[in-house]
Amino acid sequence: MIAVLSYVLLFPYISWDRDTQSANSASFLFFFSSSFSIRWNLLYLLYVVGIYIYVYM
């Protein structure tokens, strides 16, 4: 159950990160879009860590 939950939570993060990386390399606003995606990726990682702590507690 926890493995399925972690896969469901991490798969959008991995695929979305790959999509934003390819979009960033093709974008002329490279600096702004990359900093924006990095900030949202960190927020999503914080959200996933919070879910893990809530599940394991």
PDB file of N, CA and C in Angstrom:
ATOM      1  N   MET A   1       0.841  -1.202   0.000  1.00  0.00           N
ATOM      2  CA  MET A   1       0.000   0.000   0.000  1.00  0.00           C
ATOM      3  C   MET A   1       0.873   1.249   0.000  1.00  0.00           C
ATOM      4  N   ILE A   2       1.894   1.257   0.863  1.00  0.00           N
ATOM      5  CA  ILE A   2       2.773   2.424   0.937  1.00  0.00           C
ATOM      6  C   ILE A   2       3.594   2.545  -0.340  1.00  0.00           C
ATOM      7  N   ALA A   3       3.973   1.400  -0.927  1.00  0.00           N
ATOM      8  CA  ALA A   3       4.720   1.456  -2.189  1.00  0.00           C
ATOM      9  C   ALA A   3       3.850   2.025  -3.301  1.00  0.00           C
ATOM     10  N   VAL A   4       2.580   1.628  -3.337  1.00  0.00           N
ATOM     11  CA  VAL A   4       1.665   2.165  -4.349  1.00  0.00           C
ATOM     12  C   VAL A   4       1.460   3.655  -4.136  1.00  0.00           C
ATOM     13  N   LEU A   5       1.304   4.064  -2.872  1.00  0.00           N
ATOM     14  CA  LEU A   5       1.118   5.480  -2.573  1.00  0.00           C
ATOM     15  C   LEU A   5       2.339   6.290  -2.967  1.00  0.00           C
ATOM     16  N   SER A   6       3.525   5.765  -2.681  1.00  0.00           N
ATOM     17  CA  SER A   6       4.741   6.489  -3.041  1.00  0.00           C
ATOM     18  C   SER A   6       4.900   6.556  -4.554  1.00  0.00           C
ATOM     19  N   TYR A   7       4.528   5.477  -5.259  1.00  0.00           N
ATOM     20  CA  TYR A   7       4.627   5.496  -6.720  1.00  0.00           C
ATOM     21  C   TYR A   7       3.659   6.510  -7.311  1.00  0.00           C
ATOM     22  N   VAL A   8       2.429   6.548  -6.780  1.00  0.00           N
ATOM     23  CA  VAL A   8       1.430   7.496  -7.286  1.00  0.00           C
ATOM     24  C   VAL A   8       1.874   8.926  -7.013  1.00  0.00           C
ATOM     25  N   LEU A   9       2.521   9.148  -5.858  1.00  0.00           N
ATOM     26  CA  LEU A   9       2.953  10.502  -5.526  1.00  0.00           C
ATOM     27  C   LEU A   9       4.199  10.907  -6.298  1.00  0.00           C
ATOM     28  N   LEU A  10       5.110   9.959  -6.534  1.00  0.00           N
ATOM     29  CA  LEU A  10       6.383  10.311  -7.153  1.00  0.00           C
ATOM     30  C   LEU A  10       6.330  10.294  -8.670  1.00  0.00           C
ATOM     31  N   PHE A  11       5.418   9.530  -9.265  1.00  0.00           N
ATOM     32  CA  PHE A  11       5.396   9.447 -10.725  1.00  0.00           C
ATOM     33  C   PHE A  11       5.039  10.779 -11.382  1.00  0.00           C
ATOM     34  N   PRO A  12       4.024  11.531 -10.893  1.00  0.00           N
ATOM     35  CA  PRO A  12       3.795  12.858 -11.493  1.00  0.00           C
ATOM     36  C   PRO A  12       4.988  13.788 -11.311  1.00  0.00           C
ATOM     37  N   TYR A  13       5.687  13.669 -10.170  1.00  0.00           N
ATOM     38  CA  TYR A  13       6.846  14.532  -9.947  1.00  0.00           C
ATOM     39  C   TYR A  13       7.952  14.229 -10.952  1.00  0.00           C
ATOM     40  N   ILE A  14       8.221  12.945 -11.183  1.00  0.00           N
ATOM     41  CA  ILE A  14       9.296  12.564 -12.099  1.00  0.00           C
ATOM     42  C   ILE A  14       8.938  12.956 -13.529  1.00  0.00           C
ATOM     43  N   SER A  15       7.706  12.617 -13.952  1.00  0.00           N
ATOM     44  CA  SER A  15       7.329  12.904 -15.337  1.00  0.00           C
ATOM     45  C   SER A  15       7.210  14.412 -15.556  1.00  0.00           C
ATOM     46  N   TRP A  16       6.649  15.138 -14.557  1.00  0.00           N
ATOM     47  CA  TRP A  16       6.497  16.577 -14.713  1.00  0.00           C
ATOM     48  C   TRP A  16       7.862  17.261 -14.721  1.00  0.00           C
ATOM     49  N   ASP A  17       8.796  16.750 -13.922  1.00  0.00           N
ATOM     50  CA  ASP A  17      10.147  17.307 -13.915  1.00  0.00           C
ATOM     51  C   ASP A  17      10.818  17.088 -15.266  1.00  0.00           C
ATOM     52  N   ARG A  18      10.634  15.918 -15.864  1.00  0.00           N
ATOM     53  CA  ARG A  18      11.232  15.656 -17.170  1.00  0.00           C
ATOM     54  C   ARG A  18      10.602  16.557 -18.237  1.00  0.00           C
ATOM     55  N   ASP A  19       9.281  16.759 -18.158  1.00  0.00           N
ATOM     56  CA  ASP A  19       8.618  17.625 -19.132  1.00  0.00           C
ATOM     57  C   ASP A  19       9.082  19.066 -18.988  1.00  0.00           C
ATOM     58  N   THR A  20       9.224  19.544 -17.764  1.00  0.00           N
ATOM     59  CA  THR A  20       9.659  20.926 -17.572  1.00  0.00           C
ATOM     60  C   THR A  20      11.108  21.096 -17.999  1.00  0.00           C
ATOM     61  N   GLN A  21      11.928  20.057 -17.804  1.00  0.00           N
ATOM     62  CA  GLN A  21      13.319  20.167 -18.245  1.00  0.00           C
ATOM     63  C   GLN A  21      13.399  20.280 -19.762  1.00  0.00           C
ATOM     64  N   SER A  22      12.626  19.461 -20.492  1.00  0.00           N
ATOM     65  CA  SER A  22      12.652  19.536 -21.951  1.00  0.00           C
ATOM     66  C   SER A  22      12.058  20.858 -22.422  1.00  0.00           C
ATOM     67  N   ALA A  23      11.013  21.336 -21.723  1.00  0.00           N
ATOM     68  CA  ALA A  23      10.425  22.620 -22.100  1.00  0.00           C
ATOM     69  C   ALA A  23      11.393  23.761 -21.797  1.00  0.00           C
ATOM     70  N   ASN A  24      12.149  23.633 -20.700  1.00  0.00           N
ATOM     71  CA  ASN A  24      13.108  24.684 -20.364  1.00  0.00           C
ATOM     72  C   ASN A  24      14.231  24.761 -21.387  1.00  0.00           C
ATOM     73  N   SER A  25      14.700  23.617 -21.872  1.00  0.00           N
ATOM     74  CA  SER A  25      15.796  23.634 -22.834  1.00  0.00           C
ATOM     75  C   SER A  25      15.352  24.243 -24.152  1.00  0.00           C
ATOM     76  N   ALA A  26      14.052  24.144 -24.473  1.00  0.00           N
ATOM     77  CA  ALA A  26      13.544  24.711 -25.718  1.00  0.00           C
ATOM     78  C   ALA A  26      13.037  26.137 -25.535  1.00  0.00           C
ATOM     79  N   SER A  27      12.995  26.617 -24.304  1.00  0.00           N
ATOM     80  CA  SER A  27      12.409  27.932 -24.042  1.00  0.00           C
ATOM     81  C   SER A  27      13.487  29.002 -24.052  1.00  0.00           C
ATOM     82  N   PHE A  28      13.131  30.191 -24.580  1.00  0.00           N
ATOM     83  CA  PHE A  28      14.082  31.305 -24.556  1.00  0.00           C
ATOM     84  C   PHE A  28      14.058  32.020 -23.216  1.00  0.00           C
ATOM     85  N   LEU A  29      13.012  31.793 -22.420  1.00  0.00           N
ATOM     86  CA  LEU A  29      12.986  32.320 -21.047  1.00  0.00           C
ATOM     87  C   LEU A  29      13.544  31.253 -20.109  1.00  0.00           C
ATOM     88  N   PHE A  30      14.766  30.831 -20.387  1.00  0.00           N
ATOM     89  CA  PHE A  30      15.324  29.667 -19.683  1.00  0.00           C
ATOM     90  C   PHE A  30      15.477  29.946 -18.197  1.00  0.00           C
ATOM     91  N   PHE A  31      15.990  31.118 -17.860  1.00  0.00           N
ATOM     92  CA  PHE A  31      16.290  31.392 -16.451  1.00  0.00           C
ATOM     93  C   PHE A  31      15.018  31.468 -15.617  1.00  0.00           C
ATOM     94  N   PHE A  32      14.008  32.183 -16.125  1.00  0.00           N
ATOM     95  CA  PHE A  32      12.792  32.369 -15.333  1.00  0.00           C
ATOM     96  C   PHE A  32      12.028  31.050 -15.185  1.00  0.00           C
ATOM     97  N   SER A  33      11.898  30.312 -16.285  1.00  0.00           N
ATOM     98  CA  SER A  33      11.129  29.067 -16.218  1.00  0.00           C
ATOM     99  C   SER A  33      11.854  28.011 -15.381  1.00  0.00           C
ATOM    100  N   SER A  34      13.189  27.967 -15.472  1.00  0.00           N
ATOM    101  CA  SER A  34      13.914  26.970 -14.690  1.00  0.00           C
ATOM    102  C   SER A  34      13.842  27.281 -13.197  1.00  0.00           C
ATOM    103  N   SER A  35      13.971  28.562 -12.828  1.00  0.00           N
ATOM    104  CA  SER A  35      13.870  28.910 -11.410  1.00  0.00           C
ATOM    105  C   SER A  35      12.453  28.660 -10.900  1.00  0.00           C
ATOM    106  N   PHE A  36      11.449  28.927 -11.749  1.00  0.00           N
ATOM    107  CA  PHE A  36      10.060  28.674 -11.351  1.00  0.00           C
ATOM    108  C   PHE A  36       9.815  27.182 -11.142  1.00  0.00           C
ATOM    109  N   SER A  37      10.300  26.352 -12.061  1.00  0.00           N
ATOM    110  CA  SER A  37      10.063  24.913 -11.935  1.00  0.00           C
ATOM    111  C   SER A  37      10.828  24.334 -10.748  1.00  0.00           C
ATOM    112  N   ILE A  38      12.036  24.832 -10.499  1.00  0.00           N
ATOM    113  CA  ILE A  38      12.807  24.342  -9.356  1.00  0.00           C
ATOM    114  C   ILE A  38      12.082  24.675  -8.050  1.00  0.00           C
ATOM    115  N   ARG A  39      11.521  25.882  -7.973  1.00  0.00           N
ATOM    116  CA  ARG A  39      10.812  26.264  -6.760  1.00  0.00           C
ATOM    117  C   ARG A  39       9.584  25.376  -6.545  1.00  0.00           C
ATOM    118  N   TRP A  40       8.821  25.104  -7.601  1.00  0.00           N
ATOM    119  CA  TRP A  40       7.636  24.260  -7.442  1.00  0.00           C
ATOM    120  C   TRP A  40       8.011  22.808  -7.204  1.00  0.00           C
ATOM    121  N   ASN A  41       9.139  22.339  -7.786  1.00  0.00           N
ATOM    122  CA  ASN A  41       9.590  20.976  -7.513  1.00  0.00           C
ATOM    123  C   ASN A  41       9.972  20.815  -6.047  1.00  0.00           C
ATOM    124  N   LEU A  42      10.609  21.844  -5.461  1.00  0.00           N
ATOM    125  CA  LEU A  42      10.956  21.777  -4.040  1.00  0.00           C
ATOM    126  C   LEU A  42       9.700  21.771  -3.176  1.00  0.00           C
ATOM    127  N   LEU A  43       8.686  22.552  -3.567  1.00  0.00           N
ATOM    128  CA  LEU A  43       7.433  22.543  -2.820  1.00  0.00           C
ATOM    129  C   LEU A  43       6.766  21.176  -2.901  1.00  0.00           C
ATOM    130  N   TYR A  44       6.819  20.553  -4.085  1.00  0.00           N
ATOM    131  CA  TYR A  44       6.205  19.236  -4.223  1.00  0.00           C
ATOM    132  C   TYR A  44       6.968  18.180  -3.428  1.00  0.00           C
ATOM    133  N   LEU A  45       8.305  18.290  -3.398  1.00  0.00           N
ATOM    134  CA  LEU A  45       9.093  17.365  -2.580  1.00  0.00           C
ATOM    135  C   LEU A  45       8.758  17.528  -1.103  1.00  0.00           C
ATOM    136  N   LEU A  46       8.578  18.783  -0.659  1.00  0.00           N
ATOM    137  CA  LEU A  46       8.191  19.027   0.727  1.00  0.00           C
ATOM    138  C   LEU A  46       6.834  18.406   1.028  1.00  0.00           C
ATOM    139  N   TYR A  47       5.910  18.496   0.061  1.00  0.00           N
ATOM    140  CA  TYR A  47       4.590  17.890   0.212  1.00  0.00           C
ATOM    141  C   TYR A  47       4.686  16.373   0.319  1.00  0.00           C
ATOM    142  N   VAL A  48       5.531  15.754  -0.515  1.00  0.00           N
ATOM    143  CA  VAL A  48       5.693  14.298  -0.474  1.00  0.00           C
ATOM    144  C   VAL A  48       6.307  13.858   0.849  1.00  0.00           C
ATOM    145  N   VAL A  49       7.298  14.614   1.350  1.00  0.00           N
ATOM    146  CA  VAL A  49       7.913  14.280   2.636  1.00  0.00           C
ATOM    147  C   VAL A  49       6.885  14.394   3.758  1.00  0.00           C
ATOM    148  N   GLY A  50       6.024  15.402   3.690  1.00  0.00           N
ATOM    149  CA  GLY A  50       4.961  15.533   4.683  1.00  0.00           C
ATOM    150  C   GLY A  50       3.993  14.365   4.653  1.00  0.00           C
ATOM    151  N   ILE A  51       3.663  13.887   3.448  1.00  0.00           N
ATOM    152  CA  ILE A  51       2.787  12.720   3.322  1.00  0.00           C
ATOM    153  C   ILE A  51       3.452  11.482   3.921  1.00  0.00           C
ATOM    154  N   TYR A  52       4.759  11.319   3.653  1.00  0.00           N
ATOM    155  CA  TYR A  52       5.479  10.173   4.226  1.00  0.00           C
ATOM    156  C   TYR A  52       5.454  10.220   5.749  1.00  0.00           C
ATOM    157  N   ILE A  53       5.724  11.399   6.328  1.00  0.00           N
ATOM    158  CA  ILE A  53       5.728  11.520   7.786  1.00  0.00           C
ATOM    159  C   ILE A  53       4.341  11.217   8.347  1.00  0.00           C
ATOM    160  N   TYR A  54       3.293  11.705   7.670  1.00  0.00           N
ATOM    161  CA  TYR A  54       1.928  11.460   8.134  1.00  0.00           C
ATOM    162  C   TYR A  54       1.574   9.975   8.054  1.00  0.00           C
ATOM    163  N   VAL A  55       2.026   9.304   6.991  1.00  0.00           N
ATOM    164  CA  VAL A  55       1.701   7.881   6.834  1.00  0.00           C
ATOM    165  C   VAL A  55       2.455   7.038   7.859  1.00  0.00           C
ATOM    166  N   TYR A  56       3.747   7.310   8.035  1.00  0.00           N
ATOM    167  CA  TYR A  56       4.543   6.472   8.932  1.00  0.00           C
ATOM    168  C   TYR A  56       4.257   6.764  10.397  1.00  0.00           C
ATOM    169  N   MET A  57       3.765   7.940  10.733  1.00  0.00           N
ATOM    170  CA  MET A  57       3.363   8.204  12.111  1.00  0.00           C
ATOM    171  C   MET A  57       1.996   7.561  12.373  1.00  0.00           C
TER     172      MET A  57
END
